[in-house]
PDB file of N, CA and C in Angstrom:
ATOM      1  N   MET A   1     -18.303  76.462  43.942  1.00  0.00           N
ATOM      2  CA  MET A   1     -18.854  76.733  42.628  1.00  0.00           C
ATOM      3  C   MET A   1     -17.873  76.378  41.523  1.00  0.00           C
ATOM      4  N   GLY A   2     -16.572  76.521  41.787  1.00  0.00           N
ATOM      5  CA  GLY A   2     -15.585  76.196  40.764  1.00  0.00           C
ATOM      6  C   GLY A   2     -15.609  74.737  40.378  1.00  0.00           C
ATOM      7  N   SER A   3     -15.763  73.861  41.353  1.00  0.00           N
ATOM      8  CA  SER A   3     -15.781  72.426  41.066  1.00  0.00           C
ATOM      9  C   SER A   3     -16.966  72.034  40.208  1.00  0.00           C
ATOM     10  N   VAL A   4     -18.159  72.496  40.578  1.00  0.00           N
ATOM     11  CA  VAL A   4     -19.339  72.128  39.795  1.00  0.00           C
ATOM     12  C   VAL A   4     -19.249  72.698  38.389  1.00  0.00           C
ATOM     13  N   ARG A   5     -18.690  73.876  38.248  1.00  0.00           N
ATOM     14  CA  ARG A   5     -18.541  74.452  36.909  1.00  0.00           C
ATOM     15  C   ARG A   5     -17.536  73.653  36.088  1.00  0.00           C
ATOM     16  N   ASN A   6     -16.347  73.374  36.672  1.00  0.00           N
ATOM     17  CA  ASN A   6     -15.302  72.650  35.943  1.00  0.00           C
ATOM     18  C   ASN A   6     -15.672  71.199  35.666  1.00  0.00           C
ATOM     19  N   ASP A   7     -16.301  70.542  36.632  1.00  0.00           N
ATOM     20  CA  ASP A   7     -16.618  69.118  36.494  1.00  0.00           C
ATOM     21  C   ASP A   7     -17.884  68.844  35.695  1.00  0.00           C
ATOM     22  N   LEU A   8     -18.807  69.804  35.654  1.00  0.00           N
ATOM     23  CA  LEU A   8     -20.110  69.536  35.057  1.00  0.00           C
ATOM     24  C   LEU A   8     -20.587  70.615  34.086  1.00  0.00           C
ATOM     25  N   LEU A   9     -20.787  71.812  34.577  1.00  0.00           N
ATOM     26  CA  LEU A   9     -21.501  72.826  33.802  1.00  0.00           C
ATOM     27  C   LEU A   9     -20.765  73.285  32.552  1.00  0.00           C
ATOM     28  N   ASP A  10     -19.441  73.196  32.529  1.00  0.00           N
ATOM     29  CA  ASP A  10     -18.691  73.563  31.327  1.00  0.00           C
ATOM     30  C   ASP A  10     -18.820  72.508  30.224  1.00  0.00           C
ATOM     31  N   HIS A  11     -19.447  71.366  30.527  1.00  0.00           N
ATOM     32  CA  HIS A  11     -19.479  70.245  29.586  1.00  0.00           C
ATOM     33  C   HIS A  11     -20.878  69.851  29.127  1.00  0.00           C
ATOM     34  N   VAL A  12     -21.899  70.504  29.639  1.00  0.00           N
ATOM     35  CA  VAL A  12     -23.264  70.132  29.264  1.00  0.00           C
ATOM     36  C   VAL A  12     -24.048  71.375  28.851  1.00  0.00           C
ATOM     37  N   ILE A  13     -25.115  71.143  28.119  1.00  0.00           N
ATOM     38  CA  ILE A  13     -26.049  72.204  27.768  1.00  0.00           C
ATOM     39  C   ILE A  13     -27.264  72.044  28.664  1.00  0.00           C
ATOM     40  N   ILE A  14     -27.617  73.098  29.375  1.00  0.00           N
ATOM     41  CA  ILE A  14     -28.763  73.076  30.279  1.00  0.00           C
ATOM     42  C   ILE A  14     -30.006  73.461  29.482  1.00  0.00           C
ATOM     43  N   PHE A  15     -31.035  72.619  29.525  1.00  0.00           N
ATOM     44  CA  PHE A  15     -32.249  72.872  28.753  1.00  0.00           C
ATOM     45  C   PHE A  15     -33.253  73.749  29.494  1.00  0.00           C
ATOM     46  N   ASN A  16     -33.367  73.533  30.803  1.00  0.00           N
ATOM     47  CA  ASN A  16     -34.328  74.317  31.577  1.00  0.00           C
ATOM     48  C   ASN A  16     -33.985  74.178  33.064  1.00  0.00           C
ATOM     49  N   GLU A  17     -34.767  74.829  33.903  1.00  0.00           N
ATOM     50  CA  GLU A  17     -34.499  74.815  35.344  1.00  0.00           C
ATOM     51  C   GLU A  17     -34.595  73.400  35.919  1.00  0.00           C
ATOM     52  N   ARG A  18     -35.572  72.649  35.482  1.00  0.00           N
ATOM     53  CA  ARG A  18     -35.744  71.262  35.965  1.00  0.00           C
ATOM     54  C   ARG A  18     -34.510  70.420  35.634  1.00  0.00           C
ATOM     55  N   HIS A  19     -33.995  70.568  34.432  1.00  0.00           N
ATOM     56  CA  HIS A  19     -32.802  69.848  34.006  1.00  0.00           C
ATOM     57  C   HIS A  19     -31.601  70.256  34.853  1.00  0.00           C
ATOM     58  N   LEU A  20     -31.439  71.553  35.102  1.00  0.00           N
ATOM     59  CA  LEU A  20     -30.351  72.046  35.934  1.00  0.00           C
ATOM     60  C   LEU A  20     -30.439  71.471  37.346  1.00  0.00           C
ATOM     61  N   LEU A  21     -31.608  71.478  37.936  1.00  0.00           N
ATOM     62  CA  LEU A  21     -31.772  70.951  39.292  1.00  0.00           C
ATOM     63  C   LEU A  21     -31.453  69.453  39.359  1.00  0.00           C
ATOM     64  N   MET A  22     -31.848  68.704  38.324  1.00  0.00           N
ATOM     65  CA  MET A  22     -31.536  67.277  38.272  1.00  0.00           C
ATOM     66  C   MET A  22     -30.023  67.060  38.187  1.00  0.00           C
ATOM     67  N   LEU A  23     -29.357  67.835  37.333  1.00  0.00           N
ATOM     68  CA  LEU A  23     -27.908  67.721  37.201  1.00  0.00           C
ATOM     69  C   LEU A  23     -27.191  68.092  38.496  1.00  0.00           C
ATOM     70  N   LEU A  24     -27.643  69.146  39.162  1.00  0.00           N
ATOM     71  CA  LEU A  24     -27.017  69.567  40.414  1.00  0.00           C
ATOM     72  C   LEU A  24     -27.209  68.522  41.506  1.00  0.00           C
ATOM     73  N   LYS A  25     -28.383  67.901  41.574  1.00  0.00           N
ATOM     74  CA  LYS A  25     -28.628  66.833  42.545  1.00  0.00           C
ATOM     75  C   LYS A  25     -27.677  65.664  42.286  1.00  0.00           C
ATOM     76  N   ASP A  26     -27.555  65.268  41.020  1.00  0.00           N
ATOM     77  CA  ASP A  26     -26.645  64.176  40.665  1.00  0.00           C
ATOM     78  C   ASP A  26     -25.195  64.545  40.970  1.00  0.00           C
ATOM     79  N   TYR A  27     -24.833  65.796  40.731  1.00  0.00           N
ATOM     80  CA  TYR A  27     -23.466  66.234  40.991  1.00  0.00           C
ATOM     81  C   TYR A  27     -23.155  66.208  42.484  1.00  0.00           C
ATOM     82  N   ILE A  28     -24.072  66.653  43.306  1.00  0.00           N
ATOM     83  CA  ILE A  28     -23.854  66.640  44.758  1.00  0.00           C
ATOM     84  C   ILE A  28     -23.645  65.211  45.243  1.00  0.00           C
ATOM     85  N   ASP A  29     -24.441  64.275  44.725  1.00  0.00           N
ATOM     86  CA  ASP A  29     -24.262  62.861  45.081  1.00  0.00           C
ATOM     87  C   ASP A  29     -22.894  62.364  44.621  1.00  0.00           C
ATOM     88  N   TYR A  30     -22.512  62.695  43.392  1.00  0.00           N
ATOM     89  CA  TYR A  30     -21.203  62.317  42.862  1.00  0.00           C
ATOM     90  C   TYR A  30     -20.080  62.925  43.699  1.00  0.00           C
ATOM     91  N   TYR A  31     -20.201  64.202  44.041  1.00  0.00           N
ATOM     92  CA  TYR A  31     -19.163  64.925  44.772  1.00  0.00           C
ATOM     93  C   TYR A  31     -18.919  64.316  46.151  1.00  0.00           C
ATOM     94  N   HIS A  32     -19.979  63.897  46.820  1.00  0.00           N
ATOM     95  CA  HIS A  32     -19.840  63.375  48.178  1.00  0.00           C
ATOM     96  C   HIS A  32     -19.536  61.880  48.250  1.00  0.00           C
ATOM     97  N   HIS A  33     -19.909  61.124  47.223  1.00  0.00           N
ATOM     98  CA  HIS A  33     -19.761  59.667  47.314  1.00  0.00           C
ATOM     99  C   HIS A  33     -18.782  59.052  46.322  1.00  0.00           C
ATOM    100  N   ASP A  34     -18.442  59.760  45.251  1.00  0.00           N
ATOM    101  CA  ASP A  34     -17.582  59.166  44.223  1.00  0.00           C
ATOM    102  C   ASP A  34     -16.301  59.943  43.959  1.00  0.00           C
ATOM    103  N   ARG A  35     -16.344  61.241  44.036  1.00  0.00           N
ATOM    104  CA  ARG A  35     -15.188  62.077  43.692  1.00  0.00           C
ATOM    105  C   ARG A  35     -14.192  62.085  44.846  1.00  0.00           C
ATOM    106  N   THR A  36     -12.973  61.662  44.548  1.00  0.00           N
ATOM    107  CA  THR A  36     -11.942  61.663  45.589  1.00  0.00           C
ATOM    108  C   THR A  36     -11.375  63.070  45.748  1.00  0.00           C
ATOM    109  N   HIS A  37     -10.874  63.358  46.957  1.00  0.00           N
ATOM    110  CA  HIS A  37     -10.359  64.681  47.288  1.00  0.00           C
ATOM    111  C   HIS A  37      -8.946  64.536  47.851  1.00  0.00           C
ATOM    112  N   TYR A  38      -8.017  65.288  47.300  1.00  0.00           N
ATOM    113  CA  TYR A  38      -6.637  65.225  47.775  1.00  0.00           C
ATOM    114  C   TYR A  38      -6.524  65.615  49.246  1.00  0.00           C
ATOM    115  N   ASN A  39      -7.293  66.607  49.692  1.00  0.00           N
ATOM    116  CA  ASN A  39      -7.232  67.036  51.084  1.00  0.00           C
ATOM    117  C   ASN A  39      -7.728  65.964  52.050  1.00  0.00           C
ATOM    118  N   LEU A  40      -8.485  65.009  51.541  1.00  0.00           N
ATOM    119  CA  LEU A  40      -8.970  63.900  52.367  1.00  0.00           C
ATOM    120  C   LEU A  40      -8.165  62.630  52.102  1.00  0.00           C
ATOM    121  N   GLU A  41      -6.961  62.781  51.584  1.00  0.00           N
ATOM    122  CA  GLU A  41      -6.072  61.663  51.257  1.00  0.00           C
ATOM    123  C   GLU A  41      -6.741  60.676  50.300  1.00  0.00           C
ATOM    124  N   LYS A  42      -7.345  61.233  49.255  1.00  0.00           N
ATOM    125  CA  LYS A  42      -8.019  60.500  48.185  1.00  0.00           C
ATOM    126  C   LYS A  42      -9.228  59.692  48.662  1.00  0.00           C
ATOM    127  N   GLU A  43      -9.857  60.155  49.721  1.00  0.00           N
ATOM    128  CA  GLU A  43     -11.128  59.584  50.143  1.00  0.00           C
ATOM    129  C   GLU A  43     -12.233  60.549  49.736  1.00  0.00           C
ATOM    130  N   THR A  44     -13.467  60.157  49.954  1.00  0.00           N
ATOM    131  CA  THR A  44     -14.598  61.017  49.627  1.00  0.00           C
ATOM    132  C   THR A  44     -15.189  61.604  50.907  1.00  0.00           C
ATOM    133  N   PRO A  45     -15.881  62.740  50.813  1.00  0.00           N
ATOM    134  CA  PRO A  45     -16.522  63.287  52.013  1.00  0.00           C
ATOM    135  C   PRO A  45     -17.524  62.309  52.621  1.00  0.00           C
ATOM    136  N   GLY A  46     -18.123  61.463  51.799  1.00  0.00           N
ATOM    137  CA  GLY A  46     -19.090  60.484  52.283  1.00  0.00           C
ATOM    138  C   GLY A  46     -18.452  59.263  52.923  1.00  0.00           C
ATOM    139  N   GLY A  47     -17.134  59.146  52.848  1.00  0.00           N
ATOM    140  CA  GLY A  47     -16.445  58.063  53.535  1.00  0.00           C
ATOM    141  C   GLY A  47     -16.117  56.829  52.718  1.00  0.00           C
ATOM    142  N   ARG A  48     -16.185  56.907  51.392  1.00  0.00           N
ATOM    143  CA  ARG A  48     -15.815  55.739  50.577  1.00  0.00           C
ATOM    144  C   ARG A  48     -14.305  55.586  50.610  1.00  0.00           C
ATOM    145  N   HIS A  49     -13.831  54.412  50.952  1.00  0.00           N
ATOM    146  CA  HIS A  49     -12.403  54.161  51.051  1.00  0.00           C
ATOM    147  C   HIS A  49     -11.898  53.427  49.811  1.00  0.00           C
ATOM    148  N   ILE A  50     -10.629  53.569  49.538  1.00  0.00           N
ATOM    149  CA  ILE A  50     -10.002  52.859  48.426  1.00  0.00           C
ATOM    150  C   ILE A  50      -9.956  51.384  48.772  1.00  0.00           C
ATOM    151  N   ARG A  51     -10.433  50.546  47.859  1.00  0.00           N
ATOM    152  CA  ARG A  51     -10.457  49.106  48.101  1.00  0.00           C
ATOM    153  C   ARG A  51      -9.377  48.430  47.257  1.00  0.00           C
ATOM    154  N   PRO A  52      -8.557  47.595  47.877  1.00  0.00           N
ATOM    155  CA  PRO A  52      -7.530  46.887  47.114  1.00  0.00           C
ATOM    156  C   PRO A  52      -8.166  45.806  46.234  1.00  0.00           C
ATOM    157  N   LYS A  53      -7.411  45.367  45.251  1.00  0.00           N
ATOM    158  CA  LYS A  53      -7.875  44.314  44.354  1.00  0.00           C
ATOM    159  C   LYS A  53      -8.144  43.056  45.177  1.00  0.00           C
ATOM    160  N   PRO A  54      -9.365  42.490  45.122  1.00  0.00           N
ATOM    161  CA  PRO A  54      -9.710  41.365  45.990  1.00  0.00           C
ATOM    162  C   PRO A  54      -8.996  40.057  45.650  1.00  0.00           C
ATOM    163  N   ASN A  55      -8.746  39.818  44.369  1.00  0.00           N
ATOM    164  CA  ASN A  55      -8.014  38.618  43.958  1.00  0.00           C
ATOM    165  C   ASN A  55      -7.428  38.854  42.568  1.00  0.00           C
ATOM    166  N   SER A  56      -6.584  37.937  42.128  1.00  0.00           N
ATOM    167  CA  SER A  56      -5.867  38.149  40.866  1.00  0.00           C
ATOM    168  C   SER A  56      -6.774  38.108  39.636  1.00  0.00           C
ATOM    169  N   SER A  57      -7.946  37.474  39.749  1.00  0.00           N
ATOM    170  CA  SER A  57      -8.840  37.385  38.588  1.00  0.00           C
ATOM    171  C   SER A  57      -9.870  38.516  38.550  1.00  0.00           C
ATOM    172  N   ALA A  58      -9.880  39.389  39.526  1.00  0.00           N
ATOM    173  CA  ALA A  58     -10.836  40.490  39.556  1.00  0.00           C
ATOM    174  C   ALA A  58     -10.543  41.488  38.433  1.00  0.00           C
ATOM    175  N   LYS A  59     -11.606  42.037  37.882  1.00  0.00           N
ATOM    176  CA  LYS A  59     -11.474  43.016  36.800  1.00  0.00           C
ATOM    177  C   LYS A  59     -11.962  44.374  37.280  1.00  0.00           C
ATOM    178  N   LEU A  60     -11.317  45.405  36.777  1.00  0.00           N
ATOM    179  CA  LEU A  60     -11.707  46.770  37.091  1.00  0.00           C
ATOM    180  C   LEU A  60     -12.808  47.196  36.127  1.00  0.00           C
ATOM    181  N   ILE A  61     -13.932  47.665  36.674  1.00  0.00           N
ATOM    182  CA  ILE A  61     -15.037  48.104  35.826  1.00  0.00           C
ATOM    183  C   ILE A  61     -15.306  49.582  36.083  1.00  0.00           C
ATOM    184  N   ALA A  62     -15.777  50.272  35.053  1.00  0.00           N
ATOM    185  CA  ALA A  62     -16.113  51.691  35.148  1.00  0.00           C
ATOM    186  C   ALA A  62     -17.624  51.821  35.306  1.00  0.00           C
ATOM    187  N   LEU A  63     -18.043  52.560  36.313  1.00  0.00           N
ATOM    188  CA  LEU A  63     -19.459  52.824  36.547  1.00  0.00           C
ATOM    189  C   LEU A  63     -19.725  54.286  36.192  1.00  0.00           C
ATOM    190  N   PRO A  64     -20.500  54.542  35.125  1.00  0.00           N
ATOM    191  CA  PRO A  64     -20.704  55.919  34.685  1.00  0.00           C
ATOM    192  C   PRO A  64     -21.445  56.758  35.723  1.00  0.00           C
ATOM    193  N   ARG A  65     -21.010  57.986  35.870  1.00  0.00           N
ATOM    194  CA  ARG A  65     -21.644  58.973  36.743  1.00  0.00           C
ATOM    195  C   ARG A  65     -21.896  60.229  35.926  1.00  0.00           C
ATOM    196  N   LEU A  66     -22.925  60.957  36.278  1.00  0.00           N
ATOM    197  CA  LEU A  66     -23.292  62.195  35.584  1.00  0.00           C
ATOM    198  C   LEU A  66     -23.449  61.966  34.083  1.00  0.00           C
ATOM    199  N   GLY A  67     -24.176  60.915  33.742  1.00  0.00           N
ATOM    200  CA  GLY A  67     -24.439  60.619  32.336  1.00  0.00           C
ATOM    201  C   GLY A  67     -23.221  60.162  31.562  1.00  0.00           C
ATOM    202  N   GLY A  68     -22.212  59.639  32.240  1.00  0.00           N
ATOM    203  CA  GLY A  68     -20.999  59.167  31.590  1.00  0.00           C
ATOM    204  C   GLY A  68     -19.897  60.208  31.522  1.00  0.00           C
ATOM    205  N   LEU A  69     -20.156  61.399  32.028  1.00  0.00           N
ATOM    206  CA  LEU A  69     -19.155  62.462  32.031  1.00  0.00           C
ATOM    207  C   LEU A  69     -17.990  62.102  32.956  1.00  0.00           C
ATOM    208  N   HIS A  70     -18.294  61.447  34.069  1.00  0.00           N
ATOM    209  CA  HIS A  70     -17.287  60.965  35.019  1.00  0.00           C
ATOM    210  C   HIS A  70     -17.584  59.503  35.326  1.00  0.00           C
ATOM    211  N   HIS A  71     -16.645  58.838  35.963  1.00  0.00           N
ATOM    212  CA  HIS A  71     -16.826  57.422  36.288  1.00  0.00           C
ATOM    213  C   HIS A  71     -16.336  57.121  37.691  1.00  0.00           C
ATOM    214  N   ARG A  72     -16.922  56.094  38.268  1.00  0.00           N
ATOM    215  CA  ARG A  72     -16.429  55.512  39.528  1.00  0.00           C
ATOM    216  C   ARG A  72     -15.925  54.131  39.142  1.00  0.00           C
ATOM    217  N   TYR A  73     -14.815  53.742  39.700  1.00  0.00           N
ATOM    218  CA  TYR A  73     -14.216  52.461  39.349  1.00  0.00           C
ATOM    219  C   TYR A  73     -14.329  51.502  40.527  1.00  0.00           C
ATOM    220  N   ALA A  74     -14.626  50.247  40.205  1.00  0.00           N
ATOM    221  CA  ALA A  74     -14.803  49.231  41.242  1.00  0.00           C
ATOM    222  C   ALA A  74     -14.252  47.907  40.729  1.00  0.00           C
ATOM    223  N   TRP A  75     -13.911  47.044  41.656  1.00  0.00           N
ATOM    224  CA  TRP A  75     -13.439  45.706  41.316  1.00  0.00           C
ATOM    225  C   TRP A  75     -14.629  44.767  41.190  1.00  0.00           C
ATOM    226  N   LYS A  76     -14.607  43.919  40.161  1.00  0.00           N
ATOM    227  CA  LYS A  76     -15.637  42.910  39.985  1.00  0.00           C
ATOM    228  C   LYS A  76     -14.944  41.563  39.925  1.00  0.00           C
ATOM    229  N   SER A  77     -15.332  40.676  40.823  1.00  0.00           N
ATOM    230  CA  SER A  77     -14.738  39.341  40.858  1.00  0.00           C
ATOM    231  C   SER A  77     -15.252  38.528  39.681  1.00  0.00           C
ATOM    232  N   ALA A  78     -14.369  37.756  39.082  1.00  0.00           N
ATOM    233  CA  ALA A  78     -14.754  36.891  37.971  1.00  0.00           C
ATOM    234  C   ALA A  78     -15.606  35.751  38.505  1.00  0.00           C
ATOM    235  N   ALA A  79     -16.602  35.361  37.727  1.00  0.00           N
ATOM    236  CA  ALA A  79     -17.504  34.291  38.163  1.00  0.00           C
ATOM    237  C   ALA A  79     -16.935  32.924  37.903  1.00  0.00           C
TER     238      ALA A  79
END
């Protein structure tokens, strides 16, 4: 409960039960697939591994999560 409160609920205004359930669903997905955990050596419970930079021209891009409150970062190769 501490993580969801610190990462999400302390930063948003909940409008109704439907809105809360949508946010919690998104948070659970974020928590398992995007949020790294120190106890898992900076991996995610869902198994996403840290990927090294693929080449020197690759750029780091931010992918918004939870409405832009948090981000997942990924490498994008230049075209």
